[in-house]
PDB file of N, CA and C in Angstrom:
ATOM      1  N   UNK A   1    -128.933 -50.618  80.509  1.00  0.00           N
ATOM      2  CA  UNK A   1    -130.189 -51.009  81.081  1.00  0.00           C
ATOM      3  C   UNK A   1    -130.743 -49.931  82.012  1.00  0.00           C
ATOM      4  N   UNK A   2    -129.849 -49.226  82.692  1.00  0.00           N
ATOM      5  CA  UNK A   2    -130.316 -48.159  83.577  1.00  0.00           C
ATOM      6  C   UNK A   2    -130.987 -47.044  82.794  1.00  0.00           C
ATOM      7  N   UNK A   3    -130.464 -46.752  81.607  1.00  0.00           N
ATOM      8  CA  UNK A   3    -131.090 -45.721  80.775  1.00  0.00           C
ATOM      9  C   UNK A   3    -132.502 -46.132  80.385  1.00  0.00           C
ATOM     10  N   UNK A   4    -132.689 -47.387  80.032  1.00  0.00           N
ATOM     11  CA  UNK A   4    -134.011 -47.888  79.669  1.00  0.00           C
ATOM     12  C   UNK A   4    -134.935 -47.845  80.887  1.00  0.00           C
ATOM     13  N   UNK A   5    -134.429 -48.290  82.034  1.00  0.00           N
ATOM     14  CA  UNK A   5    -135.242 -48.275  83.252  1.00  0.00           C
ATOM     15  C   UNK A   5    -135.655 -46.852  83.617  1.00  0.00           C
ATOM     16  N   UNK A   6    -134.734 -45.910  83.481  1.00  0.00           N
ATOM     17  CA  UNK A   6    -135.039 -44.513  83.789  1.00  0.00           C
ATOM     18  C   UNK A   6    -136.118 -43.976  82.858  1.00  0.00           C
ATOM     19  N   UNK A   7    -135.997 -44.256  81.563  1.00  0.00           N
ATOM     20  CA  UNK A   7    -136.995 -43.795  80.596  1.00  0.00           C
ATOM     21  C   UNK A   7    -138.363 -44.418  80.874  1.00  0.00           C
ATOM     22  N   UNK A   8    -138.385 -45.703  81.217  1.00  0.00           N
ATOM     23  CA  UNK A   8    -139.653 -46.360  81.542  1.00  0.00           C
ATOM     24  C   UNK A   8    -140.270 -45.762  82.798  1.00  0.00           C
ATOM     25  N   UNK A   9    -139.443 -45.494  83.796  1.00  0.00           N
ATOM     26  CA  UNK A   9    -139.945 -44.887  85.015  1.00  0.00           C
ATOM     27  C   UNK A   9    -140.576 -43.538  84.713  1.00  0.00           C
ATOM     28  N   UNK A  10    -139.874 -42.711  83.950  1.00  0.00           N
ATOM     29  CA  UNK A  10    -140.381 -41.381  83.609  1.00  0.00           C
ATOM     30  C   UNK A  10    -141.671 -41.473  82.795  1.00  0.00           C
ATOM     31  N   UNK A  11    -141.726 -42.400  81.849  1.00  0.00           N
ATOM     32  CA  UNK A  11    -142.930 -42.558  81.023  1.00  0.00           C
ATOM     33  C   UNK A  11    -144.111 -43.013  81.881  1.00  0.00           C
ATOM     34  N   UNK A  12    -143.881 -43.947  82.787  1.00  0.00           N
ATOM     35  CA  UNK A  12    -144.964 -44.417  83.645  1.00  0.00           C
ATOM     36  C   UNK A  12    -145.384 -43.336  84.622  1.00  0.00           C
ATOM     37  N   UNK A  13    -144.442 -42.532  85.062  1.00  0.00           N
ATOM     38  CA  UNK A  13    -144.773 -41.439  85.978  1.00  0.00           C
ATOM     39  C   UNK A  13    -145.684 -40.431  85.275  1.00  0.00           C
ATOM     40  N   UNK A  14    -145.406 -40.156  84.000  1.00  0.00           N
ATOM     41  CA  UNK A  14    -146.259 -39.246  83.233  1.00  0.00           C
ATOM     42  C   UNK A  14    -147.658 -39.825  83.063  1.00  0.00           C
ATOM     43  N   UNK A  15    -147.737 -41.137  82.944  1.00  0.00           N
ATOM     44  CA  UNK A  15    -149.025 -41.802  82.784  1.00  0.00           C
ATOM     45  C   UNK A  15    -149.702 -42.078  84.118  1.00  0.00           C
ATOM     46  N   UNK A  16    -149.147 -41.568  85.191  1.00  0.00           N
ATOM     47  CA  UNK A  16    -149.683 -41.682  86.548  1.00  0.00           C
ATOM     48  C   UNK A  16    -149.787 -43.148  87.004  1.00  0.00           C
ATOM     49  N   UNK A  17    -148.984 -44.022  86.431  1.00  0.00           N
ATOM     50  CA  UNK A  17    -148.963 -45.419  86.858  1.00  0.00           C
ATOM     51  C   UNK A  17    -147.932 -45.642  87.958  1.00  0.00           C
ATOM     52  N   UNK A  18    -147.109 -44.641  88.209  1.00  0.00           N
ATOM     53  CA  UNK A  18    -146.006 -44.784  89.138  1.00  0.00           C
ATOM     54  C   UNK A  18    -146.065 -43.647  90.146  1.00  0.00           C
ATOM     55  N   UNK A  19    -145.804 -43.974  91.382  1.00  0.00           N
ATOM     56  CA  UNK A  19    -145.709 -42.944  92.408  1.00  0.00           C
ATOM     57  C   UNK A  19    -144.307 -42.979  92.988  1.00  0.00           C
ATOM     58  N   UNK A  20    -143.928 -41.944  93.687  1.00  0.00           N
ATOM     59  CA  UNK A  20    -142.595 -41.886  94.280  1.00  0.00           C
ATOM     60  C   UNK A  20    -141.606 -41.240  93.341  1.00  0.00           C
ATOM     61  N   UNK A  21    -140.358 -41.328  93.722  1.00  0.00           N
ATOM     62  CA  UNK A  21    -139.298 -40.700  92.934  1.00  0.00           C
ATOM     63  C   UNK A  21    -138.416 -41.758  92.303  1.00  0.00           C
ATOM     64  N   UNK A  22    -137.689 -41.358  91.296  1.00  0.00           N
ATOM     65  CA  UNK A  22    -136.735 -42.262  90.651  1.00  0.00           C
ATOM     66  C   UNK A  22    -135.666 -42.670  91.664  1.00  0.00           C
ATOM     67  N   UNK A  23    -135.274 -41.740  92.512  1.00  0.00           N
ATOM     68  CA  UNK A  23    -134.273 -42.014  93.549  1.00  0.00           C
ATOM     69  C   UNK A  23    -134.721 -43.192  94.418  1.00  0.00           C
ATOM     70  N   UNK A  24    -135.968 -43.151  94.873  1.00  0.00           N
ATOM     71  CA  UNK A  24    -136.500 -44.229  95.706  1.00  0.00           C
ATOM     72  C   UNK A  24    -136.585 -45.538  94.934  1.00  0.00           C
ATOM     73  N   UNK A  25    -137.019 -45.462  93.684  1.00  0.00           N
ATOM     74  CA  UNK A  25    -137.159 -46.660  92.862  1.00  0.00           C
ATOM     75  C   UNK A  25    -135.804 -47.333  92.661  1.00  0.00           C
ATOM     76  N   UNK A  26    -134.785 -46.533  92.332  1.00  0.00           N
ATOM     77  CA  UNK A  26    -133.444 -47.074  92.098  1.00  0.00           C
ATOM     78  C   UNK A  26    -132.907 -47.735  93.362  1.00  0.00           C
ATOM     79  N   UNK A  27    -133.045 -47.068  94.487  1.00  0.00           N
ATOM     80  CA  UNK A  27    -132.549 -47.612  95.746  1.00  0.00           C
ATOM     81  C   UNK A  27    -133.274 -48.909  96.110  1.00  0.00           C
ATOM     82  N   UNK A  28    -134.589 -48.934  95.944  1.00  0.00           N
ATOM     83  CA  UNK A  28    -135.382 -50.110  96.302  1.00  0.00           C
ATOM     84  C   UNK A  28    -135.164 -51.276  95.346  1.00  0.00           C
ATOM     85  N   UNK A  29    -135.164 -51.009  94.044  1.00  0.00           N
ATOM     86  CA  UNK A  29    -135.139 -52.079  93.050  1.00  0.00           C
ATOM     87  C   UNK A  29    -133.763 -52.477  92.560  1.00  0.00           C
ATOM     88  N   UNK A  30    -132.805 -51.586  92.658  1.00  0.00           N
ATOM     89  CA  UNK A  30    -131.471 -51.892  92.164  1.00  0.00           C
ATOM     90  C   UNK A  30    -130.453 -51.916  93.308  1.00  0.00           C
ATOM     91  N   UNK A  31    -130.722 -51.136  94.336  1.00  0.00           N
ATOM     92  CA  UNK A  31    -129.856 -51.143  95.506  1.00  0.00           C
ATOM     93  C   UNK A  31    -128.641 -50.244  95.410  1.00  0.00           C
ATOM     94  N   UNK A  32    -128.724 -49.216  94.544  1.00  0.00           N
ATOM     95  CA  UNK A  32    -127.623 -48.259  94.436  1.00  0.00           C
ATOM     96  C   UNK A  32    -128.172 -46.854  94.641  1.00  0.00           C
ATOM     97  N   UNK A  33    -127.288 -45.937  94.946  1.00  0.00           N
ATOM     98  CA  UNK A  33    -127.713 -44.562  95.173  1.00  0.00           C
ATOM     99  C   UNK A  33    -128.066 -43.894  93.851  1.00  0.00           C
ATOM    100  N   UNK A  34    -128.857 -42.848  93.951  1.00  0.00           N
ATOM    101  CA  UNK A  34    -129.232 -42.093  92.755  1.00  0.00           C
ATOM    102  C   UNK A  34    -127.995 -41.487  92.091  1.00  0.00           C
ATOM    103  N   UNK A  35    -127.065 -41.002  92.882  1.00  0.00           N
ATOM    104  CA  UNK A  35    -125.847 -40.394  92.335  1.00  0.00           C
ATOM    105  C   UNK A  35    -125.055 -41.406  91.511  1.00  0.00           C
ATOM    106  N   UNK A  36    -124.872 -42.604  92.069  1.00  0.00           N
ATOM    107  CA  UNK A  36    -124.135 -43.649  91.360  1.00  0.00           C
ATOM    108  C   UNK A  36    -124.880 -44.047  90.087  1.00  0.00           C
ATOM    109  N   UNK A  37    -126.192 -44.131  90.179  1.00  0.00           N
ATOM    110  CA  UNK A  37    -127.014 -44.466  89.004  1.00  0.00           C
ATOM    111  C   UNK A  37    -126.847 -43.406  87.917  1.00  0.00           C
ATOM    112  N   UNK A  38    -126.856 -42.129  88.299  1.00  0.00           N
ATOM    113  CA  UNK A  38    -126.669 -41.049  87.315  1.00  0.00           C
ATOM    114  C   UNK A  38    -125.283 -41.125  86.677  1.00  0.00           C
ATOM    115  N   UNK A  39    -124.266 -41.426  87.487  1.00  0.00           N
ATOM    116  CA  UNK A  39    -122.906 -41.540  86.954  1.00  0.00           C
ATOM    117  C   UNK A  39    -122.807 -42.691  85.955  1.00  0.00           C
ATOM    118  N   UNK A  40    -123.427 -43.810  86.270  1.00  0.00           N
ATOM    119  CA  UNK A  40    -123.425 -44.947  85.348  1.00  0.00           C
ATOM    120  C   UNK A  40    -124.131 -44.600  84.044  1.00  0.00           C
ATOM    121  N   UNK A  41    -125.276 -43.927  84.142  1.00  0.00           N
ATOM    122  CA  UNK A  41    -125.998 -43.541  82.927  1.00  0.00           C
ATOM    123  C   UNK A  41    -125.193 -42.546  82.100  1.00  0.00           C
ATOM    124  N   UNK A  42    -124.500 -41.628  82.758  1.00  0.00           N
ATOM    125  CA  UNK A  42    -123.682 -40.636  82.052  1.00  0.00           C
ATOM    126  C   UNK A  42    -122.524 -41.319  81.312  1.00  0.00           C
ATOM    127  N   UNK A  43    -121.841 -42.240  81.982  1.00  0.00           N
ATOM    128  CA  UNK A  43    -120.745 -42.952  81.319  1.00  0.00           C
ATOM    129  C   UNK A  43    -121.276 -43.780  80.153  1.00  0.00           C
ATOM    130  N   UNK A  44    -122.440 -44.370  80.327  1.00  0.00           N
ATOM    131  CA  UNK A  44    -123.062 -45.131  79.250  1.00  0.00           C
ATOM    132  C   UNK A  44    -123.346 -44.235  78.054  1.00  0.00           C
ATOM    133  N   UNK A  45    -123.866 -43.042  78.328  1.00  0.00           N
ATOM    134  CA  UNK A  45    -124.171 -42.102  77.248  1.00  0.00           C
ATOM    135  C   UNK A  45    -122.891 -41.715  76.497  1.00  0.00           C
ATOM    136  N   UNK A  46    -121.835 -41.438  77.224  1.00  0.00           N
ATOM    137  CA  UNK A  46    -120.574 -41.009  76.613  1.00  0.00           C
ATOM    138  C   UNK A  46    -119.952 -42.128  75.780  1.00  0.00           C
ATOM    139  N   UNK A  47    -119.995 -43.356  76.296  1.00  0.00           N
ATOM    140  CA  UNK A  47    -119.268 -44.461  75.669  1.00  0.00           C
ATOM    141  C   UNK A  47    -120.129 -45.379  74.812  1.00  0.00           C
ATOM    142  N   UNK A  48    -121.402 -45.080  74.659  1.00  0.00           N
ATOM    143  CA  UNK A  48    -122.332 -45.979  73.965  1.00  0.00           C
ATOM    144  C   UNK A  48    -121.853 -46.402  72.575  1.00  0.00           C
ATOM    145  N   UNK A  49    -121.308 -45.494  71.818  1.00  0.00           N
ATOM    146  CA  UNK A  49    -120.875 -45.798  70.447  1.00  0.00           C
ATOM    147  C   UNK A  49    -119.431 -46.287  70.385  1.00  0.00           C
ATOM    148  N   UNK A  50    -118.794 -46.377  71.510  1.00  0.00           N
ATOM    149  CA  UNK A  50    -117.361 -46.695  71.555  1.00  0.00           C
ATOM    150  C   UNK A  50    -117.138 -47.984  72.352  1.00  0.00           C
ATOM    151  N   UNK A  51    -117.510 -49.081  71.752  1.00  0.00           N
ATOM    152  CA  UNK A  51    -117.544 -50.391  72.401  1.00  0.00           C
ATOM    153  C   UNK A  51    -116.178 -50.888  72.869  1.00  0.00           C
ATOM    154  N   UNK A  52    -115.100 -50.428  72.253  1.00  0.00           N
ATOM    155  CA  UNK A  52    -113.774 -50.930  72.619  1.00  0.00           C
ATOM    156  C   UNK A  52    -113.356 -50.516  74.027  1.00  0.00           C
ATOM    157  N   UNK A  53    -114.006 -49.523  74.603  1.00  0.00           N
ATOM    158  CA  UNK A  53    -113.693 -49.147  75.977  1.00  0.00           C
ATOM    159  C   UNK A  53    -113.986 -50.304  76.929  1.00  0.00           C
ATOM    160  N   UNK A  54    -114.927 -51.178  76.561  1.00  0.00           N
ATOM    161  CA  UNK A  54    -115.271 -52.325  77.407  1.00  0.00           C
ATOM    162  C   UNK A  54    -114.104 -53.288  77.572  1.00  0.00           C
ATOM    163  N   UNK A  55    -113.197 -53.305  76.605  1.00  0.00           N
ATOM    164  CA  UNK A  55    -112.077 -54.249  76.624  1.00  0.00           C
ATOM    165  C   UNK A  55    -110.897 -53.749  77.461  1.00  0.00           C
ATOM    166  N   UNK A  56    -110.971 -52.540  77.958  1.00  0.00           N
ATOM    167  CA  UNK A  56    -109.857 -51.982  78.716  1.00  0.00           C
ATOM    168  C   UNK A  56    -109.657 -52.648  80.070  1.00  0.00           C
ATOM    169  N   UNK A  57    -110.711 -53.122  80.644  1.00  0.00           N
ATOM    170  CA  UNK A  57    -110.610 -53.719  81.966  1.00  0.00           C
ATOM    171  C   UNK A  57    -110.419 -52.681  83.065  1.00  0.00           C
ATOM    172  N   UNK A  58    -110.839 -51.449  82.793  1.00  0.00           N
ATOM    173  CA  UNK A  58    -110.754 -50.386  83.788  1.00  0.00           C
ATOM    174  C   UNK A  58    -111.996 -50.398  84.657  1.00  0.00           C
ATOM    175  N   UNK A  59    -111.820 -50.027  85.906  1.00  0.00           N
ATOM    176  CA  UNK A  59    -112.967 -49.917  86.794  1.00  0.00           C
ATOM    177  C   UNK A  59    -113.719 -48.626  86.484  1.00  0.00           C
ATOM    178  N   UNK A  60    -114.939 -48.553  86.971  1.00  0.00           N
ATOM    179  CA  UNK A  60    -115.717 -47.336  86.792  1.00  0.00           C
ATOM    180  C   UNK A  60    -115.018 -46.155  87.461  1.00  0.00           C
ATOM    181  N   UNK A  61    -114.430 -46.376  88.615  1.00  0.00           N
ATOM    182  CA  UNK A  61    -113.713 -45.294  89.300  1.00  0.00           C
ATOM    183  C   UNK A  61    -112.565 -44.762  88.456  1.00  0.00           C
ATOM    184  N   UNK A  62    -111.832 -45.656  87.806  1.00  0.00           N
ATOM    185  CA  UNK A  62    -110.727 -45.223  86.941  1.00  0.00           C
ATOM    186  C   UNK A  62    -111.245 -44.427  85.749  1.00  0.00           C
ATOM    187  N   UNK A  63    -112.338 -44.892  85.159  1.00  0.00           N
ATOM    188  CA  UNK A  63    -112.927 -44.169  84.029  1.00  0.00           C
ATOM    189  C   UNK A  63    -113.470 -42.812  84.461  1.00  0.00           C
ATOM    190  N   UNK A  64    -114.083 -42.760  85.637  1.00  0.00           N
ATOM    191  CA  UNK A  64    -114.646 -41.489  86.126  1.00  0.00           C
ATOM    192  C   UNK A  64    -113.563 -40.443  86.315  1.00  0.00           C
ATOM    193  N   UNK A  65    -112.374 -40.849  86.708  1.00  0.00           N
ATOM    194  CA  UNK A  65    -111.273 -39.904  86.924  1.00  0.00           C
ATOM    195  C   UNK A  65    -110.851 -39.214  85.634  1.00  0.00           C
ATOM    196  N   UNK A  66    -111.029 -39.907  84.518  1.00  0.00           N
ATOM    197  CA  UNK A  66    -110.607 -39.329  83.233  1.00  0.00           C
ATOM    198  C   UNK A  66    -111.793 -39.083  82.298  1.00  0.00           C
ATOM    199  N   UNK A  67    -112.994 -39.077  82.865  1.00  0.00           N
ATOM    200  CA  UNK A  67    -114.212 -38.910  82.067  1.00  0.00           C
ATOM    201  C   UNK A  67    -114.188 -37.649  81.212  1.00  0.00           C
ATOM    202  N   UNK A  68    -113.784 -36.529  81.799  1.00  0.00           N
ATOM    203  CA  UNK A  68    -113.783 -35.264  81.064  1.00  0.00           C
ATOM    204  C   UNK A  68    -112.842 -35.335  79.870  1.00  0.00           C
ATOM    205  N   UNK A  69    -111.660 -35.894  80.069  1.00  0.00           N
ATOM    206  CA  UNK A  69    -110.687 -36.012  78.975  1.00  0.00           C
ATOM    207  C   UNK A  69    -111.204 -36.949  77.887  1.00  0.00           C
ATOM    208  N   UNK A  70    -111.785 -38.078  78.290  1.00  0.00           N
ATOM    209  CA  UNK A  70    -112.328 -39.019  77.311  1.00  0.00           C
ATOM    210  C   UNK A  70    -113.418 -38.347  76.483  1.00  0.00           C
ATOM    211  N   UNK A  71    -114.349 -37.700  77.167  1.00  0.00           N
ATOM    212  CA  UNK A  71    -115.458 -37.042  76.468  1.00  0.00           C
ATOM    213  C   UNK A  71    -114.944 -35.966  75.519  1.00  0.00           C
ATOM    214  N   UNK A  72    -113.969 -35.180  75.951  1.00  0.00           N
ATOM    215  CA  UNK A  72    -113.392 -34.133  75.108  1.00  0.00           C
ATOM    216  C   UNK A  72    -112.784 -34.733  73.837  1.00  0.00           C
ATOM    217  N   UNK A  73    -111.978 -35.772  73.991  1.00  0.00           N
ATOM    218  CA  UNK A  73    -111.303 -36.362  72.832  1.00  0.00           C
ATOM    219  C   UNK A  73    -112.280 -37.072  71.897  1.00  0.00           C
ATOM    220  N   UNK A  74    -113.301 -37.704  72.460  1.00  0.00           N
ATOM    221  CA  UNK A  74    -114.291 -38.359  71.609  1.00  0.00           C
ATOM    222  C   UNK A  74    -115.069 -37.338  70.778  1.00  0.00           C
ATOM    223  N   UNK A  75    -115.309 -36.162  71.349  1.00  0.00           N
ATOM    224  CA  UNK A  75    -116.066 -35.126  70.641  1.00  0.00           C
ATOM    225  C   UNK A  75    -115.212 -34.344  69.648  1.00  0.00           C
ATOM    226  N   UNK A  76    -113.937 -34.158  69.950  1.00  0.00           N
ATOM    227  CA  UNK A  76    -113.120 -33.251  69.141  1.00  0.00           C
ATOM    228  C   UNK A  76    -112.115 -33.933  68.227  1.00  0.00           C
ATOM    229  N   UNK A  77    -111.872 -35.213  68.427  1.00  0.00           N
ATOM    230  CA  UNK A  77    -110.841 -35.898  67.657  1.00  0.00           C
ATOM    231  C   UNK A  77    -111.446 -37.101  66.938  1.00  0.00           C
ATOM    232  N   UNK A  78    -111.777 -36.947  65.660  1.00  0.00           N
ATOM    233  CA  UNK A  78    -112.399 -38.047  64.913  1.00  0.00           C
ATOM    234  C   UNK A  78    -111.547 -39.318  64.902  1.00  0.00           C
ATOM    235  N   UNK A  79    -110.236 -39.174  64.829  1.00  0.00           N
ATOM    236  CA  UNK A  79    -109.356 -40.346  64.837  1.00  0.00           C
ATOM    237  C   UNK A  79    -109.521 -41.112  66.145  1.00  0.00           C
ATOM    238  N   UNK A  80    -109.506 -40.407  67.271  1.00  0.00           N
ATOM    239  CA  UNK A  80    -109.652 -41.028  68.580  1.00  0.00           C
ATOM    240  C   UNK A  80    -111.014 -41.706  68.699  1.00  0.00           C
ATOM    241  N   UNK A  81    -112.040 -41.015  68.257  1.00  0.00           N
ATOM    242  CA  UNK A  81    -113.393 -41.576  68.312  1.00  0.00           C
ATOM    243  C   UNK A  81    -113.499 -42.845  67.480  1.00  0.00           C
ATOM    244  N   UNK A  82    -112.981 -42.814  66.270  1.00  0.00           N
ATOM    245  CA  UNK A  82    -113.029 -43.985  65.385  1.00  0.00           C
ATOM    246  C   UNK A  82    -112.218 -45.143  65.941  1.00  0.00           C
ATOM    247  N   UNK A  83    -111.110 -44.836  66.595  1.00  0.00           N
ATOM    248  CA  UNK A  83    -110.268 -45.877  67.181  1.00  0.00           C
ATOM    249  C   UNK A  83    -111.034 -46.707  68.207  1.00  0.00           C
ATOM    250  N   UNK A  84    -111.896 -46.060  68.979  1.00  0.00           N
ATOM    251  CA  UNK A  84    -112.612 -46.719  70.064  1.00  0.00           C
ATOM    252  C   UNK A  84    -113.980 -47.271  69.659  1.00  0.00           C
ATOM    253  N   UNK A  85    -114.389 -47.067  68.428  1.00  0.00           N
ATOM    254  CA  UNK A  85    -115.710 -47.577  68.013  1.00  0.00           C
ATOM    255  C   UNK A  85    -115.697 -49.024  67.706  1.00  0.00           C
TER     256      UNK A  85
END
């Protein structure tokens, strides 16, 4: 949902319907920092096609610690990628 909200914000900003920054919008409307919002969107992008990661029961902090390894294996190891889809 954050990815959709970000795209809508950017599209409305281009159409001059929106003022301010995405950082301000996220803080005001969602109540999280821009950094945390970017991290959530990045993890969403990495794991979007790999739905089985949702069943792990890992916290975002735990996933962030191994994000680089997960992304590497998903990109370079078809077996690993297929396992998590």
